[in-house]
Amino acid sequence: MDRNRKIYQTYHLARYEDSCVNRYMQDFVREEPLLIRVEDRPYSVVMRTPGDEIAHAAGFCLSEGLLPVNWLRSKATDLFEQYLELLTEQANQYFDSVLEE
């Protein structure tokens, strides 16, 4: 996983309001498709935020009944810590880019 990937994309937008066009820029979280394979066969394609692949795939497989709840209990602490670390990095990247503008 490339943690340096930009998860936000800036778009130029225009809003028509009261007979005026207001132009502005807005950041949106990027989404990309994620192919989930089970036993080397395609199972599903879901949309996800870049960088959240492990947590997303684990939650999806758990909800589909592909992983036993015991697996989640044994992995939950490690996954949660990794997820928090990743969210912190993503938030820092976003705020750094906003402050640079």
Foldseek 3Di string as FASTA:
>chain_A
DDLPDQQKDKDWDWDQDPNDIDIDIDIDGDKDWDFDADPNHTDDIDIDGPPCVVVVNVVVCVVVVNDDVVVCVVCVVVSVVSVVVSVVSNVVVVVVVVVVD
